[in-house]
Amino acid sequence: QSDRLLMQINDMQSDNDELMEYRTRMQKVNDELNLQRVKLAQMNREIEQSNVELAVQAELLKNINGSLSKDIPSFIGYIIDSIMQTRKAEFCGIYIDKNVYFNKKPLVSVKCASNPNLHEVPEMRWLYEQASDKEDDWRTFYRFPKEEFPGLSQTKSLAAMMISLILDEEKYGILVVSSEKRMAFDEHITFYDAIVPQFNLAIHNIQMYEKMRHIAQTDGLTGINNRTHFNKLFAEQMDQTLRNSE
């Protein structure tokens, strides 16, 4: 009887071992399914983000085709808004140097998600001077001490990326984008690889248009407005004066 009891105990132990092994296998399968579920969710998010970026790029191309009718500041504002919305950026700023499109002063346009009242970012000029003269060259920053970054230090930025804007092998400006995520620019920067050349093309189109308009409106010898353009400006000013009773 004791032998029979011992056999039963051994059988129960064997069944218990098999049950534990089965439970372990099921846990591994469940862990693998959970991992695959996480990977699938990540892939879906990346696909959705790619679709959004492609839609933005298509819209940018449409705007570039019509960029001749746009002025530089409004086009830059459109680019900044597109980047802010698409990449969920904390900050985005563009600096264009003087004499790029007959502008006597540099153009600086910035926008910040957490600080909408941020309009002055003095370090943009310094960053432009530090930027590379080569295409497809970008730099990242992870510290923003107030003495060096009086503007960006007023944001929630934990990482920032600076891309040089190059036209005809010459640097003419920079694009600066920041994020609240420290690892935001370690990968997935293909969006900017596509956006920057399109932006350069738009600037080139507007630049050529401005050159042609400048030639048509000014005297080649003196550089002042010619008679045709003077008459146009005079008529506009006279109309404004009469309307405002000045």
C-alpha atoms as a PDB file:
ATOM      1  CA  GLN A   1       0.000   0.000   0.000  1.00  0.00           C
ATOM      2  CA  SER A   2       2.867   2.360   0.777  1.00  0.00           C
ATOM      3  CA  ASP A   3       4.391   1.564  -2.637  1.00  0.00           C
ATOM      4  CA  ARG A   4       1.087   2.366  -4.340  1.00  0.00           C
ATOM      5  CA  LEU A   5       0.910   5.653  -2.411  1.00  0.00           C
ATOM      6  CA  LEU A   6       4.483   6.471  -3.375  1.00  0.00           C
ATOM      7  CA  MET A   7       3.675   5.826  -7.030  1.00  0.00           C
ATOM      8  CA  GLN A   8       0.656   8.099  -6.806  1.00  0.00           C
ATOM      9  CA  ILE A   9       2.794  10.807  -5.232  1.00  0.00           C
ATOM     10  CA  ASN A  10       5.372  10.395  -8.007  1.00  0.00           C
ATOM     11  CA  ASP A  11       2.637  10.571 -10.649  1.00  0.00           C
ATOM     12  CA  MET A  12       1.261  13.728  -9.054  1.00  0.00           C
ATOM     13  CA  GLN A  13       4.735  15.247  -8.986  1.00  0.00           C
ATOM     14  CA  SER A  14       5.221  14.342 -12.649  1.00  0.00           C
ATOM     15  CA  ASP A  15       1.863  15.882 -13.543  1.00  0.00           C
ATOM     16  CA  ASN A  16       2.779  18.971 -11.573  1.00  0.00           C
ATOM     17  CA  ASP A  17       6.122  19.238 -13.392  1.00  0.00           C
ATOM     18  CA  GLU A  18       4.361  18.944 -16.736  1.00  0.00           C
ATOM     19  CA  LEU A  19       1.839  21.566 -15.659  1.00  0.00           C
ATOM     20  CA  MET A  20       4.616  23.930 -14.623  1.00  0.00           C
ATOM     21  CA  GLU A  21       6.431  23.329 -17.915  1.00  0.00           C
ATOM     22  CA  TYR A  22       3.198  23.963 -19.814  1.00  0.00           C
ATOM     23  CA  ARG A  23       2.605  27.130 -17.805  1.00  0.00           C
ATOM     24  CA  THR A  24       6.149  28.308 -18.580  1.00  0.00           C
ATOM     25  CA  ARG A  25       5.649  27.651 -22.294  1.00  0.00           C
ATOM     26  CA  MET A  26       2.347  29.512 -22.254  1.00  0.00           C
ATOM     27  CA  GLN A  27       3.987  32.441 -20.457  1.00  0.00           C
ATOM     28  CA  LYS A  28       6.690  32.598 -23.132  1.00  0.00           C
ATOM     29  CA  VAL A  29       4.050  32.516 -25.874  1.00  0.00           C
ATOM     30  CA  ASN A  30       2.076  35.229 -24.102  1.00  0.00           C
ATOM     31  CA  ASP A  31       5.205  37.375 -23.684  1.00  0.00           C
ATOM     32  CA  GLU A  32       6.019  36.948 -27.370  1.00  0.00           C
ATOM     33  CA  LEU A  33       2.468  37.911 -28.355  1.00  0.00           C
ATOM     34  CA  ASN A  34       2.650  41.002 -26.157  1.00  0.00           C
ATOM     35  CA  LEU A  35       5.989  41.955 -27.705  1.00  0.00           C
ATOM     36  CA  GLN A  36       4.584  41.505 -31.204  1.00  0.00           C
ATOM     37  CA  ARG A  37       1.550  43.582 -30.203  1.00  0.00           C
ATOM     38  CA  VAL A  38       3.805  46.398 -29.017  1.00  0.00           C
ATOM     39  CA  LYS A  39       5.887  46.214 -32.205  1.00  0.00           C
ATOM     40  CA  LEU A  40       2.730  46.243 -34.333  1.00  0.00           C
ATOM     41  CA  ALA A  41       1.401  49.294 -32.486  1.00  0.00           C
ATOM     42  CA  GLN A  42       4.753  51.046 -33.001  1.00  0.00           C
ATOM     43  CA  MET A  43       4.696  50.169 -36.709  1.00  0.00           C
ATOM     44  CA  ASN A  44       1.153  51.532 -37.004  1.00  0.00           C
ATOM     45  CA  ARG A  45       2.228  54.780 -35.346  1.00  0.00           C
ATOM     46  CA  GLU A  46       5.208  55.071 -37.689  1.00  0.00           C
ATOM     47  CA  ILE A  47       2.995  54.397 -40.724  1.00  0.00           C
ATOM     48  CA  GLU A  48       0.503  57.026 -39.575  1.00  0.00           C
ATOM     49  CA  GLN A  49       3.339  59.515 -39.004  1.00  0.00           C
ATOM     50  CA  SER A  50       4.786  58.744 -42.444  1.00  0.00           C
ATOM     51  CA  ASN A  51       1.392  59.337 -44.044  1.00  0.00           C
ATOM     52  CA  VAL A  52       1.135  62.690 -42.266  1.00  0.00           C
ATOM     53  CA  GLU A  53       4.637  63.659 -43.363  1.00  0.00           C
ATOM     54  CA  LEU A  54       3.942  62.665 -46.971  1.00  0.00           C
ATOM     55  CA  ALA A  55       0.771  64.754 -46.932  1.00  0.00           C
ATOM     56  CA  VAL A  56       2.738  67.735 -45.586  1.00  0.00           C
ATOM     57  CA  GLN A  57       5.426  67.274 -48.239  1.00  0.00           C
ATOM     58  CA  ALA A  58       2.767  67.180 -50.967  1.00  0.00           C
ATOM     59  CA  GLU A  59       1.248  70.386 -49.592  1.00  0.00           C
ATOM     60  CA  LEU A  60       4.698  71.968 -49.483  1.00  0.00           C
ATOM     61  CA  LEU A  61       5.302  71.092 -53.121  1.00  0.00           C
ATOM     62  CA  LYS A  62       2.017  72.741 -54.012  1.00  0.00           C
ATOM     63  CA  ASN A  63       3.023  75.861 -52.107  1.00  0.00           C
ATOM     64  CA  ILE A  64       6.465  75.861 -53.717  1.00  0.00           C
ATOM     65  CA  ASN A  65       4.859  75.809 -57.148  1.00  0.00           C
ATOM     66  CA  GLY A  66       2.966  78.924 -56.155  1.00  0.00           C
ATOM     67  CA  SER A  67       5.800  80.441 -54.143  1.00  0.00           C
ATOM     68  CA  LEU A  68       6.445  83.204 -56.693  1.00  0.00           C
ATOM     69  CA  SER A  69       3.271  84.892 -55.540  1.00  0.00           C
ATOM     70  CA  LYS A  70       4.365  84.699 -51.900  1.00  0.00           C
ATOM     71  CA  ASP A  71       6.703  86.900 -49.919  1.00  0.00           C
ATOM     72  CA  ILE A  72       9.534  85.316 -47.953  1.00  0.00           C
ATOM     73  CA  PRO A  73       8.169  86.031 -44.425  1.00  0.00           C
ATOM     74  CA  SER A  74       4.764  84.454 -45.106  1.00  0.00           C
ATOM     75  CA  PHE A  75       6.330  81.406 -46.753  1.00  0.00           C
ATOM     76  CA  ILE A  76       8.719  80.940 -43.813  1.00  0.00           C
ATOM     77  CA  GLY A  77       5.772  81.220 -41.431  1.00  0.00           C
ATOM     78  CA  TYR A  78       4.000  78.460 -43.357  1.00  0.00           C
ATOM     79  CA  ILE A  79       7.088  76.210 -43.160  1.00  0.00           C
ATOM     80  CA  ILE A  80       7.433  76.763 -39.399  1.00  0.00           C
ATOM     81  CA  ASP A  81       3.753  75.998 -38.784  1.00  0.00           C
ATOM     82  CA  SER A  82       4.036  72.802 -40.862  1.00  0.00           C
ATOM     83  CA  ILE A  83       7.034  71.573 -38.878  1.00  0.00           C
ATOM     84  CA  MET A  84       5.456  72.457 -35.522  1.00  0.00           C
ATOM     85  CA  GLN A  85       2.256  70.562 -36.333  1.00  0.00           C
ATOM     86  CA  THR A  86       3.821  67.567 -38.071  1.00  0.00           C
ATOM     87  CA  ARG A  87       6.754  66.880 -35.756  1.00  0.00           C
ATOM     88  CA  LYS A  88       5.092  68.127 -32.537  1.00  0.00           C
ATOM     89  CA  ALA A  89       8.105  70.399 -32.044  1.00  0.00           C
ATOM     90  CA  GLU A  90       8.609  72.537 -28.957  1.00  0.00           C
ATOM     91  CA  PHE A  91      10.362  75.288 -30.919  1.00  0.00           C
ATOM     92  CA  CYS A  92      11.046  76.075 -34.555  1.00  0.00           C
ATOM     93  CA  GLY A  93      12.996  79.006 -35.940  1.00  0.00           C
ATOM     94  CA  ILE A  94      14.406  80.067 -39.304  1.00  0.00           C
ATOM     95  CA  TYR A  95      17.164  82.623 -39.843  1.00  0.00           C
ATOM     96  CA  ILE A  96      17.782  84.116 -43.294  1.00  0.00           C
ATOM     97  CA  ASP A  97      20.896  86.261 -43.728  1.00  0.00           C
ATOM     98  CA  LYS A  98      20.773  89.745 -45.235  1.00  0.00           C
ATOM     99  CA  ASN A  99      20.997  90.304 -49.013  1.00  0.00           C
ATOM    100  CA  VAL A 100      19.451  86.933 -49.858  1.00  0.00           C
ATOM    101  CA  TYR A 101      16.390  88.417 -51.549  1.00  0.00           C
ATOM    102  CA  PHE A 102      17.284  92.142 -51.464  1.00  0.00           C
ATOM    103  CA  ASN A 103      16.620  92.190 -47.722  1.00  0.00           C
ATOM    104  CA  LYS A 104      18.848  94.761 -46.047  1.00  0.00           C
ATOM    105  CA  LYS A 105      18.541  93.075 -42.645  1.00  0.00           C
ATOM    106  CA  PRO A 106      18.523  89.393 -41.586  1.00  0.00           C
ATOM    107  CA  LEU A 107      15.092  87.818 -41.259  1.00  0.00           C
ATOM    108  CA  VAL A 108      14.340  85.824 -38.103  1.00  0.00           C
ATOM    109  CA  SER A 109      11.049  83.996 -37.576  1.00  0.00           C
ATOM    110  CA  VAL A 110      10.391  81.783 -34.518  1.00  0.00           C
ATOM    111  CA  LYS A 111       7.550  79.934 -32.825  1.00  0.00           C
ATOM    112  CA  CYS A 112       7.357  78.106 -29.481  1.00  0.00           C
ATOM    113  CA  ALA A 113       4.627  75.698 -28.334  1.00  0.00           C
ATOM    114  CA  SER A 114       5.017  76.244 -24.584  1.00  0.00           C
ATOM    115  CA  ASN A 115       5.829  79.966 -24.776  1.00  0.00           C
ATOM    116  CA  PRO A 116       3.709  81.616 -27.511  1.00  0.00           C
ATOM    117  CA  ASN A 117       4.964  85.060 -26.443  1.00  0.00           C
ATOM    118  CA  LEU A 118       8.555  84.185 -27.315  1.00  0.00           C
ATOM    119  CA  HIS A 119       9.548  86.441 -30.219  1.00  0.00           C
ATOM    120  CA  GLU A 120      13.163  87.367 -29.502  1.00  0.00           C
ATOM    121  CA  VAL A 121      15.776  84.624 -29.921  1.00  0.00           C
ATOM    122  CA  PRO A 122      19.078  86.557 -30.121  1.00  0.00           C
ATOM    123  CA  GLU A 123      21.208  83.426 -30.403  1.00  0.00           C
ATOM    124  CA  MET A 124      19.881  82.706 -33.905  1.00  0.00           C
ATOM    125  CA  ARG A 125      22.552  85.015 -35.348  1.00  0.00           C
ATOM    126  CA  TRP A 126      25.296  83.292 -33.343  1.00  0.00           C
ATOM    127  CA  LEU A 127      24.010  79.852 -34.334  1.00  0.00           C
ATOM    128  CA  TYR A 128      24.056  80.911 -37.993  1.00  0.00           C
ATOM    129  CA  GLU A 129      27.698  81.914 -37.674  1.00  0.00           C
ATOM    130  CA  GLN A 130      28.510  78.530 -36.073  1.00  0.00           C
ATOM    131  CA  ALA A 131      26.578  76.508 -38.659  1.00  0.00           C
ATOM    132  CA  SER A 132      28.364  74.371 -41.221  1.00  0.00           C
ATOM    133  CA  ASP A 133      28.779  75.523 -44.825  1.00  0.00           C
ATOM    134  CA  LYS A 134      28.042  72.014 -46.091  1.00  0.00           C
ATOM    135  CA  GLU A 135      24.744  70.522 -47.207  1.00  0.00           C
ATOM    136  CA  ASP A 136      23.181  67.661 -45.226  1.00  0.00           C
ATOM    137  CA  ASP A 137      25.207  68.698 -42.186  1.00  0.00           C
ATOM    138  CA  TRP A 138      23.323  69.165 -38.930  1.00  0.00           C
ATOM    139  CA  ARG A 139      24.207  69.685 -35.282  1.00  0.00           C
ATOM    140  CA  THR A 140      22.388  68.809 -32.067  1.00  0.00           C
ATOM    141  CA  PHE A 141      22.348  70.614 -28.717  1.00  0.00           C
ATOM    142  CA  TYR A 142      21.273  69.250 -25.341  1.00  0.00           C
ATOM    143  CA  ARG A 143      22.121  72.079 -22.932  1.00  0.00           C
ATOM    144  CA  PHE A 144      20.733  75.609 -23.116  1.00  0.00           C
ATOM    145  CA  PRO A 145      22.422  77.860 -20.538  1.00  0.00           C
ATOM    146  CA  LYS A 146      20.775  81.265 -20.372  1.00  0.00           C
ATOM    147  CA  GLU A 147      23.976  83.180 -21.123  1.00  0.00           C
ATOM    148  CA  GLU A 148      24.411  81.359 -24.452  1.00  0.00           C
ATOM    149  CA  PHE A 149      20.759  80.650 -25.285  1.00  0.00           C
ATOM    150  CA  PRO A 150      18.689  83.556 -23.920  1.00  0.00           C
ATOM    151  CA  GLY A 151      15.797  82.549 -26.175  1.00  0.00           C
ATOM    152  CA  LEU A 152      15.819  78.741 -26.132  1.00  0.00           C
ATOM    153  CA  SER A 153      16.377  78.762 -22.363  1.00  0.00           C
ATOM    154  CA  GLN A 154      12.842  80.163 -22.084  1.00  0.00           C
ATOM    155  CA  THR A 155      11.422  77.034 -23.729  1.00  0.00           C
ATOM    156  CA  LYS A 156      10.970  73.440 -22.534  1.00  0.00           C
ATOM    157  CA  SER A 157      13.580  72.202 -24.983  1.00  0.00           C
ATOM    158  CA  LEU A 158      15.678  69.188 -23.997  1.00  0.00           C
ATOM    159  CA  ALA A 159      17.224  68.718 -27.452  1.00  0.00           C
ATOM    160  CA  ALA A 160      17.606  70.927 -30.511  1.00  0.00           C
ATOM    161  CA  MET A 161      18.782  70.331 -34.064  1.00  0.00           C
ATOM    162  CA  MET A 162      20.297  72.939 -36.388  1.00  0.00           C
ATOM    163  CA  ILE A 163      20.378  72.426 -40.164  1.00  0.00           C
ATOM    164  CA  SER A 164      22.294  74.701 -42.526  1.00  0.00           C
ATOM    165  CA  LEU A 165      20.362  76.169 -45.442  1.00  0.00           C
ATOM    166  CA  ILE A 166      22.547  76.075 -48.555  1.00  0.00           C
ATOM    167  CA  LEU A 167      21.851  77.606 -51.965  1.00  0.00           C
ATOM    168  CA  ASP A 168      24.333  77.437 -54.856  1.00  0.00           C
ATOM    169  CA  GLU A 169      26.907  76.017 -52.428  1.00  0.00           C
ATOM    170  CA  GLU A 170      26.609  79.060 -50.148  1.00  0.00           C
ATOM    171  CA  LYS A 171      25.090  79.169 -46.669  1.00  0.00           C
ATOM    172  CA  TYR A 172      22.242  81.657 -46.489  1.00  0.00           C
ATOM    173  CA  GLY A 173      20.390  80.634 -43.314  1.00  0.00           C
ATOM    174  CA  ILE A 174      19.602  77.983 -40.715  1.00  0.00           C
ATOM    175  CA  LEU A 175      16.644  75.943 -39.534  1.00  0.00           C
ATOM    176  CA  VAL A 176      16.488  75.242 -35.785  1.00  0.00           C
ATOM    177  CA  VAL A 177      14.007  72.735 -34.333  1.00  0.00           C
ATOM    178  CA  SER A 178      13.764  71.636 -30.699  1.00  0.00           C
ATOM    179  CA  SER A 179      11.837  69.014 -28.763  1.00  0.00           C
ATOM    180  CA  GLU A 180      10.838  68.220 -25.185  1.00  0.00           C
ATOM    181  CA  LYS A 181      12.227  64.712 -25.827  1.00  0.00           C
ATOM    182  CA  ARG A 182      15.962  64.346 -25.388  1.00  0.00           C
ATOM    183  CA  MET A 183      16.270  61.544 -27.974  1.00  0.00           C
ATOM    184  CA  ALA A 184      14.050  63.227 -30.568  1.00  0.00           C
ATOM    185  CA  PHE A 185      16.796  63.721 -33.165  1.00  0.00           C
ATOM    186  CA  ASP A 186      18.742  60.489 -32.748  1.00  0.00           C
ATOM    187  CA  GLU A 187      16.789  58.995 -35.646  1.00  0.00           C
ATOM    188  CA  HIS A 188      13.739  59.601 -37.849  1.00  0.00           C
ATOM    189  CA  ILE A 189      15.083  62.823 -39.392  1.00  0.00           C
ATOM    190  CA  THR A 190      14.164  61.828 -42.949  1.00  0.00           C
ATOM    191  CA  PHE A 191      11.315  64.348 -42.761  1.00  0.00           C
ATOM    192  CA  TYR A 192      13.850  67.174 -42.594  1.00  0.00           C
ATOM    193  CA  ASP A 193      15.955  65.567 -45.330  1.00  0.00           C
ATOM    194  CA  ALA A 194      12.922  65.964 -47.589  1.00  0.00           C
ATOM    195  CA  ILE A 195      11.707  69.352 -46.339  1.00  0.00           C
ATOM    196  CA  VAL A 196      14.983  71.304 -46.486  1.00  0.00           C
ATOM    197  CA  PRO A 197      15.688  70.795 -50.237  1.00  0.00           C
ATOM    198  CA  GLN A 198      12.094  71.819 -50.991  1.00  0.00           C
ATOM    199  CA  PHE A 199      12.528  74.919 -48.843  1.00  0.00           C
ATOM    200  CA  ASN A 200      15.782  75.763 -50.655  1.00  0.00           C
ATOM    201  CA  LEU A 201      13.984  75.390 -53.993  1.00  0.00           C
ATOM    202  CA  ALA A 202      11.232  77.768 -52.885  1.00  0.00           C
ATOM    203  CA  ILE A 203      13.780  80.344 -51.720  1.00  0.00           C
ATOM    204  CA  HIS A 204      15.583  80.012 -55.061  1.00  0.00           C
ATOM    205  CA  ASN A 205      12.327  80.572 -56.964  1.00  0.00           C
ATOM    206  CA  ILE A 206      11.430  83.637 -54.911  1.00  0.00           C
ATOM    207  CA  GLN A 207      14.998  84.919 -55.111  1.00  0.00           C
ATOM    208  CA  MET A 208      14.999  84.736 -58.914  1.00  0.00           C
ATOM    209  CA  TYR A 209      11.584  86.410 -59.041  1.00  0.00           C
ATOM    210  CA  GLU A 210      12.800  89.214 -56.776  1.00  0.00           C
ATOM    211  CA  LYS A 211      15.869  89.712 -58.971  1.00  0.00           C
ATOM    212  CA  MET A 212      13.734  90.025 -62.094  1.00  0.00           C
ATOM    213  CA  ARG A 213      11.376  92.416 -60.349  1.00  0.00           C
ATOM    214  CA  HIS A 214      14.316  94.467 -59.075  1.00  0.00           C
ATOM    215  CA  ILE A 215      15.711  94.733 -62.595  1.00  0.00           C
ATOM    216  CA  ALA A 216      12.307  95.792 -63.932  1.00  0.00           C
ATOM    217  CA  GLN A 217      11.761  98.408 -61.228  1.00  0.00           C
ATOM    218  CA  THR A 218      15.165 100.086 -60.882  1.00  0.00           C
ATOM    219  CA  ASP A 219      17.574 102.012 -63.033  1.00  0.00           C
ATOM    220  CA  GLY A 220      20.598  99.910 -63.879  1.00  0.00           C
ATOM    221  CA  LEU A 221      23.053 102.818 -63.527  1.00  0.00           C
ATOM    222  CA  THR A 222      21.872 104.518 -60.344  1.00  0.00           C
ATOM    223  CA  GLY A 223      20.045 101.648 -58.636  1.00  0.00           C
ATOM    224  CA  ILE A 224      17.076 103.868 -57.738  1.00  0.00           C
ATOM    225  CA  ASN A 225      13.455 103.249 -58.744  1.00  0.00           C
ATOM    226  CA  ASN A 226      12.792 103.884 -62.409  1.00  0.00           C
ATOM    227  CA  ARG A 227      10.029 106.164 -63.670  1.00  0.00           C
ATOM    228  CA  THR A 228       7.489 103.370 -64.176  1.00  0.00           C
ATOM    229  CA  HIS A 229       7.881 102.039 -60.652  1.00  0.00           C
ATOM    230  CA  PHE A 230       8.008 105.562 -59.209  1.00  0.00           C
ATOM    231  CA  ASN A 231       4.648 106.358 -60.849  1.00  0.00           C
ATOM    232  CA  LYS A 232       3.162 103.183 -59.387  1.00  0.00           C
ATOM    233  CA  LEU A 233       4.436 103.955 -55.868  1.00  0.00           C
ATOM    234  CA  PHE A 234       3.330 107.585 -56.158  1.00  0.00           C
ATOM    235  CA  ALA A 235      -0.206 106.571 -57.177  1.00  0.00           C
ATOM    236  CA  GLU A 236      -0.443 104.087 -54.282  1.00  0.00           C
ATOM    237  CA  GLN A 237       0.808 106.660 -51.777  1.00  0.00           C
ATOM    238  CA  MET A 238      -1.530 109.355 -53.118  1.00  0.00           C
ATOM    239  CA  ASP A 239      -4.508 106.991 -52.816  1.00  0.00           C
ATOM    240  CA  GLN A 240      -3.553 106.106 -49.238  1.00  0.00           C
ATOM    241  CA  THR A 241      -3.068 109.782 -48.345  1.00  0.00           C
ATOM    242  CA  LEU A 242      -6.504 110.734 -49.662  1.00  0.00           C
ATOM    243  CA  ARG A 243      -8.223 107.797 -47.962  1.00  0.00           C
ATOM    244  CA  ASN A 244      -6.631 108.605 -44.602  1.00  0.00           C
ATOM    245  CA  SER A 245      -7.080 112.398 -45.018  1.00  0.00           C
ATOM    246  CA  GLU A 246      -3.391 112.911 -44.283  1.00  0.00           C
END
